[in-house]
């Protein structure tokens, strides 16, 4: 039997319905002054079809709301009808289009994925701020105290420490082909020391080869570049590659006035030492400065050229490792590459 009501139905006591309760449209209201519940828990019912929904007590999951939708199977909306929390269609994905505020502890058993290039995850506590930011062009992990700016930034281009870096254990600084260490401030700033190391291969025998470039901007500059070279013989000699190695050091004085070409002067060699394994050829390692390149009103450069000479045999393709340190007296200072 079907019973049709054109007005509201108010139930103040128990209402038992053996069939389906149907409202004419969304203006039809079923008002419950007590509660809606299932006294008996059920197992999860069969899969739903489109427009279907179930609200029941589960023997495993407790109170359950099931639905069937294209964007969400189940959704919680605000008073304006905007979805605030959704369960993805036939998935375990939870969709939160707005801001998620967590006042208690949150535990993540898997990773946190940022789906957009400008997304950011900020962890903030009373003692400080810890930011993990994926910007459009750079991957950055930043650490900041609550009352100051970033003190440590780890980017795809390197790490920046704005305060004092204290290392109590071993520290390794390295990169393919070259290593740069700035001491006392930013690279090329006034009153700073920058240490640089670089390896050069395939050096022809007895031929001056550039292993370091020194750059001097068009400004007032005074500086010193201390260079230590380690040269080794290549394969082809009496024994084999690296059968002889030599080390030598030089100091290069650098001076420049704005609008005038830079000048450099090289010291005498010091700290020289040459070593060869038994039966190997001897080695000689020396260095010189190239001529200054660049106009009087532009950036100037010169190179440190190393000459590695074998004492005998046919070894070739020598190698050189250079470690250089520049002391800058002026801002926009001298740099190494």
Protein backbone atom coordinates (compact mmCIF):
# COMPACT_ATOMS: atom_id res chain seq x y z
CA UNK A 1 0.00 0.00 0.00
CA UNK A 2 1.29 3.48 -0.82
CA UNK A 3 0.53 6.52 1.32
CA UNK A 4 1.08 10.00 -0.15
CA UNK A 5 1.49 13.13 1.98
CA UNK A 6 1.62 16.53 0.30
CA UNK A 7 2.87 18.25 3.47
CA UNK A 8 5.62 17.68 6.02
CA UNK A 9 5.74 14.53 8.11
CA UNK A 10 6.78 14.95 11.75
CA UNK A 11 7.59 11.83 13.72
CA UNK A 12 7.80 12.15 17.49
CA UNK A 13 7.78 8.44 18.22
CA UNK A 14 8.69 5.23 16.43
CA UNK A 15 7.95 5.03 12.72
CA UNK A 16 8.30 1.66 11.05
CA UNK A 17 8.45 1.68 7.26
CA UNK A 18 8.59 -1.56 5.33
CA UNK A 19 9.10 0.06 1.95
CA UNK A 20 10.60 3.28 0.59
CA UNK A 21 10.02 6.79 1.91
CA UNK A 22 9.80 9.12 -1.12
CA UNK A 23 9.61 12.92 -1.12
CA UNK A 24 8.15 14.71 -4.16
CA UNK A 25 11.19 17.02 -4.55
CA UNK A 26 13.84 18.65 -2.41
CA UNK A 27 11.15 20.73 -0.69
CA UNK A 28 9.62 17.62 0.82
CA UNK A 29 10.93 17.31 4.39
CA UNK A 30 11.03 14.36 6.74
CA UNK A 31 11.59 15.71 10.27
CA UNK A 32 12.89 13.38 12.97
CA UNK A 33 12.75 14.66 16.56
CA UNK A 34 14.52 11.60 17.94
CA UNK A 35 17.32 9.82 16.08
CA UNK A 36 17.94 7.72 13.01
CA UNK A 37 19.67 4.47 13.77
CA UNK A 38 19.92 0.80 12.91
CA UNK A 39 19.63 -1.27 16.07
CA UNK A 40 21.21 -4.24 14.32
CA UNK A 41 24.64 -3.96 12.70
CA UNK A 42 24.96 -5.15 9.13
CA UNK A 43 27.81 -6.35 6.98
CA UNK A 44 28.79 -4.04 4.09
CA UNK A 45 26.02 -4.31 1.50
CA UNK A 46 26.46 -4.92 -2.21
CA UNK A 47 27.95 -2.22 -4.43
CA UNK A 48 25.79 0.82 -5.06
CA UNK A 49 24.50 2.15 -8.34
CA UNK A 50 24.32 5.77 -9.47
CA UNK A 51 22.07 7.98 -7.27
CA UNK A 52 22.14 5.37 -4.52
CA UNK A 53 23.12 6.01 -0.92
CA UNK A 54 23.10 4.00 2.30
CA UNK A 55 23.38 5.00 5.91
CA UNK A 56 23.72 2.07 8.27
CA UNK A 57 25.57 0.54 11.22
CA UNK A 58 28.38 -1.80 10.19
CA UNK A 59 29.67 -4.71 12.23
CA UNK A 60 33.24 -3.63 11.31
CA UNK A 61 33.21 0.10 10.52
CA UNK A 62 30.49 1.39 12.86
CA UNK A 63 28.28 4.17 11.51
CA UNK A 64 28.63 4.14 7.73
CA UNK A 65 27.51 6.51 4.98
CA UNK A 66 27.88 5.17 1.43
CA UNK A 67 27.17 6.97 -1.82
CA UNK A 68 27.77 6.91 -5.57
CA UNK A 69 29.03 9.99 -7.43
CA UNK A 70 31.30 11.07 -10.26
CA UNK A 71 33.54 13.45 -8.28
CA UNK A 72 32.91 12.11 -4.78
CA UNK A 73 30.97 9.13 -3.47
CA UNK A 74 30.35 10.91 -0.18
CA UNK A 75 30.68 14.66 0.38
CA UNK A 76 30.34 17.08 3.29
CA UNK A 77 29.21 20.56 2.21
CA UNK A 78 28.99 23.93 3.91
CA UNK A 79 25.81 26.04 4.03
CA UNK A 80 26.57 27.44 0.56
CA UNK A 81 26.65 23.96 -0.96
CA UNK A 82 30.43 23.90 -1.42
CA UNK A 83 32.21 20.58 -0.90
CA UNK A 84 34.56 20.77 2.08
CA UNK A 85 35.42 17.08 2.42
CA UNK A 86 34.92 14.34 -0.11
CA UNK A 87 35.57 10.63 -0.52
CA UNK A 88 36.78 9.98 -4.05
CA UNK A 89 34.62 7.87 -6.37
CA UNK A 90 35.22 4.19 -5.57
CA UNK A 91 38.66 4.98 -4.09
CA UNK A 92 40.21 5.55 -0.69
CA UNK A 93 41.26 9.09 -1.69
CA UNK A 94 40.11 11.93 0.56
CA UNK A 95 39.57 15.26 -1.22
CA UNK A 96 40.00 18.42 0.85
CA UNK A 97 39.61 21.47 -1.40
CA UNK A 98 40.05 23.96 1.44
CA UNK A 99 42.49 24.40 4.31
CA UNK A 100 43.06 21.50 6.68
CA UNK A 101 43.57 22.67 10.26
CA UNK A 102 45.00 20.06 12.65
CA UNK A 103 45.15 21.13 16.30
CA UNK A 104 46.45 17.78 17.56
CA UNK A 105 49.20 15.45 16.41
CA UNK A 106 49.14 14.14 12.84
CA UNK A 107 50.79 10.89 11.81
CA UNK A 108 51.63 10.10 8.17
CA UNK A 109 52.54 6.49 7.47
CA UNK A 110 53.51 7.28 3.87
CA UNK A 111 54.93 10.26 2.01
CA UNK A 112 53.42 13.70 1.54
CA UNK A 113 53.05 14.63 -2.13
CA UNK A 114 52.77 18.18 -3.46
CA UNK A 115 50.73 18.15 -6.64
CA UNK A 116 51.50 21.68 -7.87
CA UNK A 117 54.80 23.42 -8.53
CA UNK A 118 53.97 26.32 -6.16
CA UNK A 119 52.70 24.21 -3.25
CA UNK A 120 54.33 24.59 0.15
CA UNK A 121 54.32 22.63 3.39
CA UNK A 122 55.00 24.69 6.50
CA UNK A 123 55.65 23.17 9.91
CA UNK A 124 55.47 25.81 12.59
CA UNK A 125 55.87 25.43 16.32
CA UNK A 126 56.55 27.78 19.22
CA UNK A 127 60.30 27.32 18.80
CA UNK A 128 60.61 27.88 15.06
CA UNK A 129 59.45 27.47 11.50
CA UNK A 130 60.47 24.63 9.22
CA UNK A 131 59.48 25.07 5.57
CA UNK A 132 59.73 22.61 2.71
CA UNK A 133 58.99 24.51 -0.47
CA UNK A 134 58.73 23.34 -4.07
CA UNK A 135 58.77 26.53 -6.11
CA UNK A 136 58.39 26.87 -9.86
CA UNK A 137 62.08 26.54 -10.67
CA UNK A 138 63.88 25.50 -7.50
CA UNK A 139 63.52 22.77 -4.90
CA UNK A 140 64.19 24.28 -1.49
CA UNK A 141 64.20 23.10 2.10
CA UNK A 142 64.35 26.01 4.52
CA UNK A 143 64.90 26.20 8.27
CA UNK A 144 63.99 29.39 10.09
CA UNK A 145 63.66 30.46 13.72
CA UNK A 146 60.34 32.03 14.65
CA UNK A 147 61.70 35.58 14.96
CA UNK A 148 64.11 35.73 12.01
CA UNK A 149 64.52 34.90 8.37
CA UNK A 150 65.82 31.73 6.77
CA UNK A 151 69.08 30.55 8.36
CA UNK A 152 69.55 27.44 6.22
CA UNK A 153 68.31 26.98 2.66
CA UNK A 154 68.97 23.80 0.70
CA UNK A 155 68.32 24.29 -3.02
CA UNK A 156 69.03 22.42 -6.21
CA UNK A 157 71.78 24.98 -6.83
CA UNK A 158 73.43 24.54 -3.42
CA UNK A 159 73.06 25.33 0.27
CA UNK A 160 73.12 28.77 1.91
CA UNK A 161 73.82 29.37 5.60
CA UNK A 162 73.18 32.95 6.74
CA UNK A 163 74.60 32.49 10.22
CA UNK A 164 77.57 30.65 11.67
CA UNK A 165 78.14 27.10 10.48
CA UNK A 166 79.52 24.87 13.24
CA UNK A 167 80.62 21.37 12.27
CA UNK A 168 81.55 19.08 15.15
CA UNK A 169 82.23 16.03 12.99
CA UNK A 170 83.81 15.38 9.62
CA UNK A 171 82.62 17.50 6.69
CA UNK A 172 83.00 16.65 3.01
CA UNK A 173 82.58 19.33 0.37
CA UNK A 174 82.67 18.07 -3.17
CA UNK A 175 81.29 18.24 -6.68
CA UNK A 176 82.14 16.79 -10.04
CA UNK A 177 85.18 18.59 -11.39
CA UNK A 178 85.38 21.46 -8.92
CA UNK A 179 84.86 22.37 -5.27
CA UNK A 180 84.23 25.87 -3.90
CA UNK A 181 84.40 26.90 -0.24
CA UNK A 182 83.65 30.45 0.90
CA UNK A 183 85.02 31.62 4.23
CA UNK A 184 84.16 34.86 6.03
CA UNK A 185 81.09 35.85 3.98
CA UNK A 186 79.56 35.68 0.53
CA UNK A 187 81.77 34.76 -2.40
CA UNK A 188 83.71 37.73 -3.84
CA UNK A 189 82.67 40.06 -1.00
CA UNK A 190 85.13 42.31 0.76
CA UNK A 191 87.41 40.80 3.41
CA UNK A 192 86.61 37.24 2.42
CA UNK A 193 88.53 34.13 1.51
CA UNK A 194 87.31 31.77 -1.19
CA UNK A 195 88.93 28.37 -1.70
CA UNK A 196 88.50 26.56 -4.97
CA UNK A 197 89.71 23.21 -6.30
CA UNK A 198 89.50 21.83 -9.81
CA UNK A 199 90.85 18.92 -11.85
CA UNK A 200 92.10 19.20 -15.45
CA UNK A 201 92.90 16.21 -17.66
CA UNK A 202 94.39 15.56 -21.12
CA UNK A 203 97.28 18.01 -20.65
CA UNK A 204 99.85 17.75 -23.40
CA UNK A 205 103.47 17.21 -22.35
CA UNK A 206 105.60 20.36 -21.89
CA UNK A 207 102.70 22.57 -22.99
CA UNK A 208 101.32 25.43 -20.90
CA UNK A 209 97.64 24.64 -20.22
CA UNK A 210 95.05 26.81 -18.42
CA UNK A 211 93.86 25.14 -15.20
CA UNK A 212 92.36 28.17 -13.42
CA UNK A 213 90.63 31.40 -14.50
CA UNK A 214 90.81 34.51 -12.32
CA UNK A 215 88.13 37.17 -12.94
CA UNK A 216 88.49 40.82 -11.84
CA UNK A 217 85.48 43.18 -12.24
CA UNK A 218 85.96 46.77 -13.43
CA UNK A 219 86.38 48.33 -9.99
CA UNK A 220 89.02 49.00 -7.36
CA UNK A 221 90.51 45.66 -6.36
CA UNK A 222 93.38 44.36 -4.32
CA UNK A 223 93.77 40.66 -3.83
CA UNK A 224 95.98 37.65 -3.62
CA UNK A 225 95.52 34.24 -5.23
CA UNK A 226 97.47 31.38 -3.66
CA UNK A 227 97.74 28.35 -5.93
CA UNK A 228 98.94 24.82 -5.18
CA UNK A 229 99.31 22.45 -8.13
CA UNK A 230 99.57 18.67 -8.21
CA UNK A 231 100.63 17.37 -11.61
CA UNK A 232 100.82 13.70 -12.62
CA UNK A 233 102.18 11.92 -15.68
CA UNK A 234 99.69 10.18 -17.91
CA UNK A 235 99.88 6.66 -19.27
CA UNK A 236 102.49 5.62 -21.84
CA UNK A 237 105.62 5.88 -19.74
CA UNK A 238 107.93 3.22 -18.41
CA UNK A 239 105.51 2.11 -15.65
CA UNK A 240 102.03 3.57 -16.25
CA UNK A 241 99.69 6.40 -15.39
CA UNK A 242 100.64 8.40 -12.28
CA UNK A 243 104.14 6.93 -12.19
CA UNK A 244 105.37 10.40 -11.23
CA UNK A 245 103.71 13.32 -9.44
CA UNK A 246 104.88 16.76 -8.48
CA UNK A 247 103.54 19.60 -6.36
CA UNK A 248 104.41 23.31 -6.36
CA UNK A 249 102.84 26.52 -5.03
CA UNK A 250 102.72 30.16 -6.19
CA UNK A 251 101.18 33.43 -5.02
CA UNK A 252 99.62 35.86 -7.53
CA UNK A 253 99.23 39.51 -6.51
CA UNK A 254 96.30 41.26 -8.24
CA UNK A 255 95.62 44.99 -8.47
CA UNK A 256 93.10 47.08 -10.41
CA UNK A 257 91.64 50.58 -10.52
CA UNK A 258 88.30 51.24 -12.18
CA UNK A 259 88.80 52.07 -15.86
CA UNK A 260 92.31 50.66 -15.91
CA UNK A 261 93.38 47.13 -16.84
CA UNK A 262 94.18 44.77 -13.98
CA UNK A 263 97.74 43.63 -13.36
CA UNK A 264 99.12 40.51 -11.72
CA UNK A 265 102.54 39.41 -10.54
CA UNK A 266 103.54 35.82 -9.74
CA UNK A 267 105.87 34.91 -6.89
CA UNK A 268 108.73 32.48 -7.07
CA UNK A 269 107.77 28.83 -6.78
CA UNK A 270 107.80 27.38 -3.27
CA UNK A 271 106.91 24.11 -1.61
CA UNK A 272 108.12 22.18 -4.64
CA UNK A 273 108.33 18.41 -4.45
CA UNK A 274 108.60 15.80 -7.22
CA UNK A 275 108.20 12.04 -6.70
CA UNK A 276 108.53 9.04 -9.05
CA UNK A 277 108.02 5.32 -8.46
CA UNK A 278 110.92 2.94 -9.05
CA UNK A 279 111.90 2.80 -12.72
CA UNK A 280 109.60 5.67 -13.70
CA UNK A 281 110.38 8.89 -15.53
CA UNK A 282 110.92 12.11 -13.61
CA UNK A 283 108.42 14.99 -13.67
CA UNK A 284 108.58 18.77 -13.56
CA UNK A 285 105.57 20.96 -12.69
CA UNK A 286 105.64 24.75 -13.15
CA UNK A 287 103.05 27.53 -13.56
CA UNK A 288 102.77 31.00 -15.07
CA UNK A 289 100.13 33.71 -15.51
CA UNK A 290 98.65 34.47 -18.90
CA UNK A 291 98.25 37.96 -20.30
CA UNK A 292 95.30 40.02 -19.00
CA UNK A 293 92.20 39.78 -21.20
CA UNK A 294 89.41 42.35 -21.40
CA UNK A 295 89.07 46.06 -22.11
CA UNK A 296 89.91 48.85 -19.66
CA UNK A 297 86.21 49.46 -19.00
CA UNK A 298 85.18 45.82 -18.80
CA UNK A 299 85.76 42.68 -16.73
CA UNK A 300 89.36 41.45 -16.90
CA UNK A 301 90.56 37.86 -16.67
CA UNK A 302 93.78 35.91 -16.67
CA UNK A 303 94.52 32.20 -16.46
CA UNK A 304 96.98 30.18 -14.42
CA UNK A 305 98.78 27.96 -16.91
CA UNK A 306 100.51 24.78 -15.75
CA UNK A 307 103.29 23.02 -17.62
CA UNK A 308 103.90 19.34 -16.86
CA UNK A 309 107.04 17.87 -18.40
CA UNK A 310 108.18 14.23 -18.31
CA UNK A 311 111.89 13.51 -17.92
CA UNK A 312 111.83 10.62 -20.39
CA UNK A 313 109.58 8.04 -22.05
CA UNK A 314 106.39 8.63 -23.97
CA UNK A 315 103.74 9.38 -21.35
CA UNK A 316 101.03 11.85 -22.41
CA UNK A 317 97.62 13.11 -21.31
CA UNK A 318 98.90 14.42 -18.01
CA UNK A 319 96.55 15.52 -15.21
CA UNK A 320 96.58 18.42 -12.80
CA UNK A 321 94.68 19.17 -9.61
CA UNK A 322 94.71 22.82 -8.58
CA UNK A 323 93.72 24.23 -5.20
CA UNK A 324 93.47 28.01 -5.14
CA UNK A 325 92.48 30.51 -2.49
CA UNK A 326 91.66 34.15 -3.21
CA UNK A 327 91.81 36.85 -0.53
CA UNK A 328 89.62 39.82 -1.45
CA UNK A 329 90.14 43.28 0.03
CA UNK A 330 87.25 44.89 -1.89
CA UNK A 331 83.58 44.25 -2.60
CA UNK A 332 82.42 42.84 -5.98
CA UNK A 333 85.72 41.05 -5.73
CA UNK A 334 87.92 38.61 -7.57
CA UNK A 335 86.46 35.19 -8.36
CA UNK A 336 87.87 31.83 -9.45
CA UNK A 337 86.63 29.28 -11.96
